[in-house]
Structure formats: structure tokens, C-alpha cells
Amino acid sequence: MKVFDNTTKKIFLASWVSINQAETSKAQETQLRHSTSKSYCDILQPLRQKVESIQVRDRQLAHRLCKLIPAQCPFERDVKFFGKTLFHIPPMCKLNPLYEEVVGLRFRAMCFLADECGEDISQYC
């Protein structure tokens, strides 16, 4: 069983409304324009497309990506002094403007390892 196929089938089965991918991308693009300034969107769009266009077709590349991209935010922690918590640093990964694309790249690498290579990916979870 392929992880990617199984996941996408569950996502499509769970949706209540069937929407074309073109309509979805137009809606996301419109929402992105409204939520951010135009200059911000224009600056990062080529970089987003570059990350999205990376094809994971090599076992070594997939392993490197899974090791380099963390499964959880590495910045979240409690700062303690003599056993007492002084303050909590919240996860800041969602503030990264390329967060979704990088997490998607890691997911594609894990799916390649599981589906195409037949490897156990539990070490990356």
C-alpha cells in the first residue's frame, strides 16, 4: 500500500465539497493576496515555486531531506532557572513564510522512501 495514495484518498473522501484543483489554487492565490501585501507576495513566489518543483527521485536526497527538515519545531521550549519555569518560547515555525512548502517537501521525501523504496520511515516520525 502506498502511503501517499492512501493519504490523498482519505483527504478526498473526507471532503464535503468537490472542488477543482484550478478553483482551489485560484482561491488560495486570492486569499494570499488579501492576507499579505503585494510586494511580499511577489518577492517569495519564485522561491516557493522552486521548493515546490523539487522532485524527490533519489534515495540519498530523500534521506537528507528527512534528516534536515525537523518533524517538530526545534525552537519551542521552556526556559528554566533552578528548576522553575521562567517563560515558554512558543513554536515559531509557522511564522516562516516557506513553512508549508518545506513541510510538503519533507512529506514527499518520506512518501518516496516508503512507497518507492519500501523503507521503514518510523525513524523520521
Protein backbone atom coordinates (compact mmCIF):
# COMPACT_ATOMS: atom_id res chain seq x y z
CA MET A 1 0.00 0.00 0.00
CA LYS A 2 1.34 3.40 -0.91
CA VAL A 3 1.29 6.00 1.86
CA PHE A 4 0.77 8.95 -0.46
CA ASP A 5 -2.12 7.33 -2.35
CA ASN A 6 -3.82 6.21 0.86
CA THR A 7 -3.48 9.67 2.42
CA THR A 8 -4.80 11.51 -0.61
CA LYS A 9 -7.77 9.11 -0.91
CA LYS A 10 -8.69 9.76 2.71
CA ILE A 11 -8.39 13.51 2.19
CA PHE A 12 -10.65 13.42 -0.87
CA LEU A 13 -13.15 11.12 0.83
CA ALA A 14 -13.27 13.35 3.87
CA SER A 15 -14.05 16.49 1.89
CA TRP A 16 -17.68 17.53 1.72
CA VAL A 17 -17.46 19.55 -1.44
CA SER A 18 -15.68 18.56 -4.60
CA ILE A 19 -13.62 21.47 -5.89
CA ASN A 20 -11.46 21.62 -8.99
CA GLN A 21 -7.75 21.99 -8.33
CA ALA A 22 -7.72 25.08 -10.56
CA GLU A 23 -10.51 26.64 -8.49
CA THR A 24 -8.65 25.73 -5.29
CA SER A 25 -5.40 27.28 -6.49
CA LYS A 26 -7.23 30.45 -7.58
CA ALA A 27 -8.94 30.69 -4.20
CA GLN A 28 -5.64 30.19 -2.37
CA GLU A 29 -3.94 32.79 -4.55
CA THR A 30 -6.73 35.29 -3.89
CA GLN A 31 -6.58 34.60 -0.16
CA LEU A 32 -2.79 35.04 -0.19
CA ARG A 33 -3.13 38.39 -1.94
CA HIS A 34 -5.65 39.61 0.61
CA SER A 35 -3.69 38.38 3.64
CA THR A 36 -0.29 39.79 2.62
CA SER A 37 0.98 42.83 0.82
CA LYS A 38 1.67 42.55 -2.90
CA SER A 39 5.41 43.20 -2.62
CA TYR A 40 5.75 40.43 -0.03
CA CYS A 41 3.92 38.00 -2.28
CA ASP A 42 5.99 38.88 -5.37
CA ILE A 43 9.30 38.50 -3.53
CA LEU A 44 8.72 34.98 -2.18
CA GLN A 45 6.68 33.47 -5.03
CA PRO A 46 9.71 32.36 -7.12
CA LEU A 47 11.28 30.74 -4.06
CA ARG A 48 8.02 28.96 -3.22
CA GLN A 49 7.77 27.64 -6.77
CA LYS A 50 11.39 26.48 -6.65
CA VAL A 51 10.79 24.49 -3.44
CA GLU A 52 7.54 23.04 -4.82
CA SER A 53 9.25 21.98 -8.05
CA ILE A 54 11.88 19.83 -6.30
CA GLN A 55 11.29 16.23 -7.36
CA VAL A 56 12.36 13.56 -4.90
CA ARG A 57 13.65 10.73 -7.10
CA ASP A 58 16.84 9.79 -5.26
CA ARG A 59 17.09 7.73 -2.08
CA GLN A 60 20.04 9.72 -0.69
CA LEU A 61 18.31 13.05 -1.32
CA ALA A 62 15.16 11.78 0.41
CA HIS A 63 17.16 10.66 3.46
CA ARG A 64 18.96 14.02 3.62
CA LEU A 65 15.71 15.95 3.42
CA CYS A 66 14.09 13.86 6.15
CA LYS A 67 17.11 14.40 8.40
CA LEU A 68 17.47 18.13 7.71
CA ILE A 69 13.82 19.15 7.99
CA PRO A 70 12.60 18.56 11.55
CA ALA A 71 9.27 16.88 12.27
CA GLN A 72 8.54 19.35 15.08
CA CYS A 73 9.53 22.95 15.66
CA PRO A 74 13.01 22.94 17.25
CA PHE A 75 12.56 26.39 18.81
CA GLU A 76 9.70 25.60 21.19
CA ARG A 77 10.97 25.17 24.75
CA ASP A 78 10.62 26.11 28.38
CA VAL A 79 13.35 28.27 29.88
CA LYS A 80 14.02 27.08 33.42
CA PHE A 81 16.19 28.50 36.18
CA PHE A 82 16.87 26.38 39.27
CA GLY A 83 14.01 24.05 38.36
CA LYS A 84 11.41 26.83 37.96
CA THR A 85 9.99 27.74 34.59
CA LEU A 86 10.74 31.37 33.82
CA PHE A 87 8.97 31.54 30.47
CA HIS A 88 7.86 29.48 27.49
CA ILE A 89 9.06 30.10 23.92
CA PRO A 90 6.18 29.22 21.56
CA PRO A 91 6.75 27.38 18.27
CA MET A 92 7.80 29.93 15.68
CA CYS A 93 7.93 27.69 12.62
CA LYS A 94 4.53 28.86 11.39
CA LEU A 95 5.98 32.38 11.14
CA ASN A 96 8.31 31.09 8.43
CA PRO A 97 6.81 32.19 5.08
CA LEU A 98 8.01 28.95 3.42
CA TYR A 99 6.81 26.63 6.21
CA GLU A 100 4.10 24.88 4.17
CA GLU A 101 6.36 24.27 1.19
CA VAL A 102 9.22 22.88 3.30
CA VAL A 103 6.91 20.57 5.26
CA GLY A 104 5.40 19.42 1.96
CA LEU A 105 8.88 18.65 0.64
CA ARG A 106 9.63 16.55 3.73
CA PHE A 107 6.33 14.70 3.28
CA ARG A 108 7.13 13.96 -0.37
CA ALA A 109 10.55 12.63 0.63
CA MET A 110 9.02 10.37 3.29
CA CYS A 111 6.41 9.10 0.82
CA PHE A 112 9.14 8.33 -1.73
CA LEU A 113 11.09 6.34 0.85
CA ALA A 114 8.02 4.41 1.98
CA ASP A 115 6.33 3.86 -1.39
CA GLU A 116 9.10 3.58 -3.94
CA CYS A 117 11.99 2.30 -1.80
CA GLY A 118 9.93 0.24 0.65
CA GLU A 119 11.87 1.56 3.64
CA ASP A 120 10.74 1.96 7.22
CA ILE A 121 10.29 5.69 7.89
CA SER A 122 9.47 5.42 11.59
CA GLN A 123 12.90 6.88 12.46
CA TYR A 124 11.82 10.19 10.89
CA CYS A 125 8.50 10.49 12.69
